[in-house]
């Protein structure tokens, strides 16, 4: 028998049952998610260490890339360790307070990720389209302020949405458990599980969340459109191919990140299934942090050089 319980601060547990209904064996899922998490950690921590250590990577572009790697570490850590713990436990239970804390930190890192990617597109736009003014317009002080702004906006956004979840009531069974059809405490599944009126929450997702998403998305698309027209004017065919290769891989990751988020959060709730939501959420919580360091930097000549200097130190002649 299901009933309506008190608000989230008093609900005993949420049961994250999204991956436990006819899915692959737990052991296989554990190995998959552990491999993804370790790959994301190694890739992003390596990038953070290289950029912090190597003075040749002390440019604004790499400063922003280091910021993105820090965000990706947080984004993966907000969801995957809890999932791994559930895969080796008898029951995928998480206390209500921890569920809301996970939601809060997932939102902070997720929103910051989208904003930092937009700042990086702006950096590339100035570097390619206005290279003479680049050292003046974009420097480390400007980048630090931009990153601080990304974190501040994300913090306010997360506080707002987490605060609106607190007064909601939840559909519980006889033992006081809330069944959440997902693998972490995500926004839409939480709202679907509530027995309260969630129209305010849904409206805020579309209006405030939509503005926060569409603004950076428009900035990215306009920046890359301007970059493309500038690249087409390059006299060297090899230069054009190299520039398109770099910008193309970056733009692919941007479309991947924004596309999956828009798929989950900005469709009417009845339009997509729980399995589709979980697949898209898996893409931006796990695959994006894993892929970003390799797409943006670890295949970059400067980063490869820094990694080589780290692994094979030059011999100093006595």
Protein backbone atom coordinates (compact mmCIF):
# COMPACT_ATOMS: atom_id res chain seq x y z
CA UNK A 1 0.00 0.00 0.00
CA UNK A 2 1.35 3.39 -0.97
CA UNK A 3 0.69 6.58 1.01
CA UNK A 4 1.73 10.21 1.07
CA UNK A 5 4.53 10.91 3.55
CA UNK A 6 5.90 14.00 5.20
CA UNK A 7 8.53 16.20 3.56
CA UNK A 8 11.98 15.02 2.50
CA UNK A 9 13.70 16.03 5.73
CA UNK A 10 11.64 13.37 7.60
CA UNK A 11 11.34 10.57 5.00
CA UNK A 12 13.45 7.55 6.12
CA UNK A 13 14.94 6.31 2.82
CA UNK A 14 14.80 6.54 -0.94
CA UNK A 15 15.25 3.28 -2.84
CA UNK A 16 17.05 3.90 -6.15
CA UNK A 17 15.56 1.05 -8.16
CA UNK A 18 16.20 2.28 -11.72
CA UNK A 19 18.88 -0.29 -12.58
CA UNK A 20 17.42 -3.19 -10.64
CA UNK A 21 14.36 -3.99 -12.75
CA UNK A 22 15.34 -6.59 -15.33
CA UNK A 23 18.71 -4.99 -16.04
CA UNK A 24 22.16 -6.59 -16.53
CA UNK A 25 23.81 -8.48 -13.64
CA UNK A 26 25.07 -6.31 -10.78
CA UNK A 27 28.64 -7.58 -11.17
CA UNK A 28 28.73 -6.48 -14.81
CA UNK A 29 27.29 -3.06 -13.99
CA UNK A 30 29.78 -2.64 -11.15
CA UNK A 31 32.76 -3.32 -13.43
CA UNK A 32 31.36 -0.98 -16.10
CA UNK A 33 30.75 1.95 -13.76
CA UNK A 34 34.00 1.38 -11.85
CA UNK A 35 35.96 1.46 -15.12
CA UNK A 36 34.20 4.65 -16.23
CA UNK A 37 34.72 6.34 -12.86
CA UNK A 38 38.40 5.41 -12.63
CA UNK A 39 38.94 6.53 -16.24
CA UNK A 40 37.28 9.89 -15.53
CA UNK A 41 39.34 10.37 -12.35
CA UNK A 42 42.67 9.44 -13.97
CA UNK A 43 42.05 11.56 -17.08
CA UNK A 44 40.90 14.67 -15.25
CA UNK A 45 43.38 14.46 -12.36
CA UNK A 46 46.22 13.99 -14.86
CA UNK A 47 45.08 17.08 -16.72
CA UNK A 48 44.78 19.15 -13.53
CA UNK A 49 48.26 18.05 -12.41
CA UNK A 50 49.91 18.71 -15.78
CA UNK A 51 48.41 22.19 -16.17
CA UNK A 52 49.28 23.12 -12.57
CA UNK A 53 52.84 21.81 -12.88
CA UNK A 54 53.95 22.78 -16.38
CA UNK A 55 54.60 26.49 -16.95
CA UNK A 56 54.16 26.05 -20.71
CA UNK A 57 50.48 25.34 -20.08
CA UNK A 58 49.89 28.56 -18.14
CA UNK A 59 47.66 30.13 -20.82
CA UNK A 60 44.01 31.14 -20.32
CA UNK A 61 42.79 28.22 -22.44
CA UNK A 62 44.47 25.66 -20.19
CA UNK A 63 43.40 27.57 -17.09
CA UNK A 64 39.78 27.06 -18.21
CA UNK A 65 40.46 23.42 -19.13
CA UNK A 66 41.78 22.81 -15.63
CA UNK A 67 38.61 24.40 -14.26
CA UNK A 68 36.51 22.10 -16.46
CA UNK A 69 38.44 19.05 -15.23
CA UNK A 70 37.80 20.00 -11.59
CA UNK A 71 34.08 20.30 -12.37
CA UNK A 72 34.08 16.94 -14.18
CA UNK A 73 35.74 15.27 -11.18
CA UNK A 74 32.96 16.65 -8.98
CA UNK A 75 30.20 15.70 -11.44
CA UNK A 76 31.33 12.07 -11.63
CA UNK A 77 31.93 11.87 -7.87
CA UNK A 78 28.48 13.25 -7.06
CA UNK A 79 26.78 10.18 -8.55
CA UNK A 80 29.05 7.24 -9.38
CA UNK A 81 30.53 6.29 -5.95
CA UNK A 82 27.03 6.09 -4.47
CA UNK A 83 25.95 3.94 -7.42
CA UNK A 84 28.95 1.62 -6.94
CA UNK A 85 28.09 1.27 -3.24
CA UNK A 86 24.51 0.33 -4.15
CA UNK A 87 25.72 -2.29 -6.61
CA UNK A 88 27.53 -4.19 -3.82
CA UNK A 89 24.78 -3.72 -1.22
CA UNK A 90 21.64 -5.76 -0.64
CA UNK A 91 19.30 -2.81 -1.14
CA UNK A 92 19.96 0.45 -3.07
CA UNK A 93 18.82 2.68 -0.19
CA UNK A 94 19.88 6.26 0.49
CA UNK A 95 18.63 8.39 3.41
CA UNK A 96 16.45 11.33 2.41
CA UNK A 97 18.93 13.96 3.61
CA UNK A 98 21.78 12.34 1.66
CA UNK A 99 19.53 12.07 -1.38
CA UNK A 100 18.90 15.83 -1.35
CA UNK A 101 22.60 16.52 -0.71
CA UNK A 102 23.47 14.37 -3.73
CA UNK A 103 20.89 16.25 -5.80
CA UNK A 104 22.34 19.59 -4.67
CA UNK A 105 25.95 18.73 -5.53
CA UNK A 106 24.96 17.03 -8.79
CA UNK A 107 23.16 20.23 -9.80
CA UNK A 108 26.07 22.46 -8.81
CA UNK A 109 28.62 20.48 -10.82
CA UNK A 110 26.26 19.80 -13.72
CA UNK A 111 25.24 23.43 -14.23
CA UNK A 112 28.81 24.68 -13.72
CA UNK A 113 29.95 22.21 -16.39
CA UNK A 114 27.59 23.70 -18.99
CA UNK A 115 28.62 27.26 -18.08
CA UNK A 116 32.37 26.57 -18.18
CA UNK A 117 31.99 24.95 -21.61
CA UNK A 118 30.30 28.18 -22.79
CA UNK A 119 33.17 30.27 -21.39
CA UNK A 120 35.64 28.03 -23.23
CA UNK A 121 33.75 28.62 -26.49
CA UNK A 122 34.05 32.37 -25.86
CA UNK A 123 37.78 31.96 -25.25
CA UNK A 124 38.21 30.10 -28.56
CA UNK A 125 36.12 32.73 -30.36
CA UNK A 126 38.37 35.58 -29.20
CA UNK A 127 41.57 33.57 -29.84
CA UNK A 128 40.62 32.70 -33.44
CA UNK A 129 38.53 35.68 -34.52
CA UNK A 130 40.41 38.50 -32.74
CA UNK A 131 43.90 37.18 -31.98
CA UNK A 132 45.50 40.64 -31.68
CA UNK A 133 43.28 41.59 -28.73
CA UNK A 134 43.25 38.13 -27.17
CA UNK A 135 45.95 38.80 -24.51
CA UNK A 136 44.03 41.92 -23.42
CA UNK A 137 40.48 40.54 -23.52
CA UNK A 138 41.22 37.06 -22.13
CA UNK A 139 43.80 36.62 -19.37
CA UNK A 140 44.00 34.56 -16.21
CA UNK A 141 42.38 37.26 -14.08
CA UNK A 142 39.43 37.45 -16.48
CA UNK A 143 39.20 33.65 -16.55
CA UNK A 144 39.23 33.49 -12.75
CA UNK A 145 36.35 35.97 -12.58
CA UNK A 146 34.42 34.07 -15.25
CA UNK A 147 34.88 30.76 -13.44
CA UNK A 148 33.84 32.36 -10.15
CA UNK A 149 30.71 33.69 -11.87
CA UNK A 150 29.92 30.19 -13.21
CA UNK A 151 30.19 28.71 -9.71
CA UNK A 152 28.12 31.52 -8.16
CA UNK A 153 25.28 31.22 -10.69
CA UNK A 154 25.29 27.44 -10.30
CA UNK A 155 25.20 27.68 -6.50
CA UNK A 156 22.20 30.02 -6.53
CA UNK A 157 20.43 27.83 -9.10
CA UNK A 158 21.03 24.68 -7.03
CA UNK A 159 19.94 26.28 -3.75
CA UNK A 160 16.73 27.45 -5.41
CA UNK A 161 15.76 24.03 -6.80
CA UNK A 162 16.86 22.06 -3.72
CA UNK A 163 14.93 24.46 -1.50
CA UNK A 164 11.75 23.86 -3.49
CA UNK A 165 12.12 20.10 -2.96
CA UNK A 166 12.20 20.37 0.84
CA UNK A 167 8.45 21.00 1.44
CA UNK A 168 7.31 18.26 -0.96
CA UNK A 169 5.63 15.09 0.25
CA UNK A 170 6.53 11.68 -1.16
CA UNK A 171 4.73 8.50 -2.09
CA UNK A 172 5.93 5.85 0.41
CA UNK A 173 5.18 2.20 1.07
CA UNK A 174 4.17 0.69 4.43
CA UNK A 175 7.78 0.76 5.64
CA UNK A 176 8.23 4.44 4.81
CA UNK A 177 10.41 3.87 1.73
CA UNK A 178 10.22 6.03 -1.41
CA UNK A 179 10.82 4.11 -4.66
CA UNK A 180 12.84 6.30 -7.03
CA UNK A 181 13.03 4.87 -10.58
CA UNK A 182 16.56 6.10 -11.27
CA UNK A 183 20.19 5.37 -10.34
CA UNK A 184 20.74 8.66 -8.48
CA UNK A 185 18.65 11.46 -6.98
CA UNK A 186 17.83 13.39 -10.13
CA UNK A 187 15.32 16.20 -10.41
CA UNK A 188 12.64 14.78 -12.70
CA UNK A 189 12.40 11.35 -10.97
CA UNK A 190 12.11 13.10 -7.60
CA UNK A 191 9.24 15.22 -8.87
CA UNK A 192 7.50 12.18 -10.38
CA UNK A 193 7.74 10.39 -7.03
CA UNK A 194 6.19 13.28 -5.11
CA UNK A 195 2.50 13.27 -4.25
CA UNK A 196 2.50 17.06 -3.80
CA UNK A 197 1.69 19.67 -6.43
CA UNK A 198 4.95 20.14 -8.37
CA UNK A 199 3.74 22.72 -10.89
CA UNK A 200 5.99 25.40 -9.38
CA UNK A 201 9.02 23.12 -9.66
CA UNK A 202 8.18 22.17 -13.26
CA UNK A 203 7.58 25.79 -14.23
CA UNK A 204 10.90 26.83 -12.73
CA UNK A 205 12.71 24.11 -14.67
CA UNK A 206 11.29 25.42 -17.96
CA UNK A 207 11.64 29.15 -17.25
CA UNK A 208 14.68 29.72 -15.02
CA UNK A 209 16.42 26.48 -15.99
CA UNK A 210 15.61 27.01 -19.67
CA UNK A 211 17.06 30.53 -19.60
CA UNK A 212 20.17 29.27 -17.83
CA UNK A 213 20.56 26.55 -20.47
CA UNK A 214 19.57 28.40 -23.65
CA UNK A 215 21.70 31.49 -22.95
CA UNK A 216 25.05 29.63 -22.84
CA UNK A 217 23.89 27.32 -25.65
CA UNK A 218 23.18 30.32 -27.91
CA UNK A 219 26.56 31.84 -26.98
CA UNK A 220 28.31 28.58 -27.93
CA UNK A 221 26.52 28.23 -31.27
CA UNK A 222 27.16 31.87 -32.23
CA UNK A 223 30.82 31.61 -31.21
CA UNK A 224 31.40 28.48 -33.25
CA UNK A 225 29.50 29.89 -36.24
CA UNK A 226 31.80 32.92 -36.20
CA UNK A 227 34.83 30.65 -35.71
CA UNK A 228 33.79 28.56 -38.72
CA UNK A 229 33.55 31.60 -41.01
CA UNK A 230 36.98 32.77 -39.82
CA UNK A 231 38.53 29.33 -40.41
CA UNK A 232 37.11 29.21 -43.94
CA UNK A 233 39.08 32.36 -44.75
CA UNK A 234 42.41 30.76 -43.78
CA UNK A 235 44.70 30.54 -46.83
CA UNK A 236 46.19 27.16 -45.90
CA UNK A 237 44.10 24.04 -46.51
CA UNK A 238 46.12 22.18 -43.84
CA UNK A 239 45.42 24.99 -41.37
CA UNK A 240 41.71 24.81 -42.11
CA UNK A 241 41.65 21.04 -41.61
CA UNK A 242 43.55 21.28 -38.33
CA UNK A 243 41.30 24.05 -37.00
CA UNK A 244 38.11 22.26 -38.06
CA UNK A 245 39.34 19.03 -36.47
CA UNK A 246 39.95 20.72 -33.13
CA UNK A 247 36.80 22.84 -33.12
CA UNK A 248 34.73 19.95 -34.49
CA UNK A 249 35.65 17.65 -31.61
CA UNK A 250 34.91 20.42 -29.09
CA UNK A 251 31.56 21.20 -30.69
CA UNK A 252 30.67 17.49 -30.73
CA UNK A 253 31.15 17.30 -26.96
CA UNK A 254 29.13 20.49 -26.47
CA UNK A 255 26.22 19.12 -28.52
CA UNK A 256 26.49 15.83 -26.64
CA UNK A 257 26.37 17.55 -23.24
CA UNK A 258 23.61 20.05 -24.00
CA UNK A 259 21.61 17.59 -26.08
CA UNK A 260 21.34 14.99 -23.32
CA UNK A 261 20.46 17.61 -20.69
CA UNK A 262 17.76 19.17 -22.88
CA UNK A 263 16.42 15.68 -23.62
CA UNK A 264 15.97 14.90 -19.91
CA UNK A 265 14.83 18.21 -18.45
CA UNK A 266 13.08 20.20 -21.17
CA UNK A 267 10.64 17.72 -22.63
CA UNK A 268 7.12 17.30 -21.21
CA UNK A 269 7.29 14.53 -18.58
CA UNK A 270 5.07 12.21 -20.63
CA UNK A 271 7.24 12.41 -23.76
CA UNK A 272 10.16 10.23 -22.68
CA UNK A 273 10.40 6.93 -20.80
CA UNK A 274 12.33 6.26 -17.60
CA UNK A 275 14.83 4.13 -19.54
CA UNK A 276 15.50 6.98 -21.99
CA UNK A 277 15.91 9.44 -19.12
CA UNK A 278 18.39 7.16 -17.37
CA UNK A 279 20.36 6.57 -20.58
CA UNK A 280 20.65 10.31 -21.22
CA UNK A 281 21.52 10.99 -17.55
CA UNK A 282 24.22 8.31 -17.73
CA UNK A 283 25.71 10.11 -20.74
CA UNK A 284 26.18 13.47 -19.04
CA UNK A 285 27.02 12.20 -15.53
CA UNK A 286 29.50 9.50 -16.56
CA UNK A 287 30.49 9.61 -20.23
CA UNK A 288 30.99 13.39 -20.43
CA UNK A 289 33.48 13.53 -17.50
CA UNK A 290 35.26 10.51 -19.00
CA UNK A 291 35.46 11.91 -22.53
CA UNK A 292 36.15 15.61 -21.86
CA UNK A 293 39.85 15.36 -20.88
CA UNK A 294 40.61 13.20 -23.93
CA UNK A 295 38.62 15.29 -26.41
CA UNK A 296 39.72 18.70 -25.16
CA UNK A 297 43.30 18.18 -24.06
CA UNK A 298 44.97 14.80 -23.72
CA UNK A 299 45.22 14.48 -27.50
CA UNK A 300 46.60 18.04 -27.68
CA UNK A 301 50.25 18.44 -28.71
CA UNK A 302 51.07 20.77 -25.79
CA UNK A 303 49.51 18.44 -23.24
CA UNK A 304 51.22 15.42 -24.79
CA UNK A 305 54.52 17.31 -24.51
CA UNK A 306 53.86 18.12 -20.84
CA UNK A 307 53.01 14.47 -20.16
CA UNK A 308 56.20 13.33 -21.91
CA UNK A 309 58.31 15.80 -19.89
CA UNK A 310 56.71 14.46 -16.72
CA UNK A 311 57.26 10.78 -17.56
CA UNK A 312 60.68 11.20 -19.24
CA UNK A 313 62.49 14.03 -17.44
CA UNK A 314 65.28 15.64 -19.44
CA UNK A 315 68.75 14.75 -18.30
CA UNK A 316 70.76 17.65 -16.92
CA UNK A 317 74.32 17.58 -18.19
CA UNK A 318 76.84 18.01 -15.28
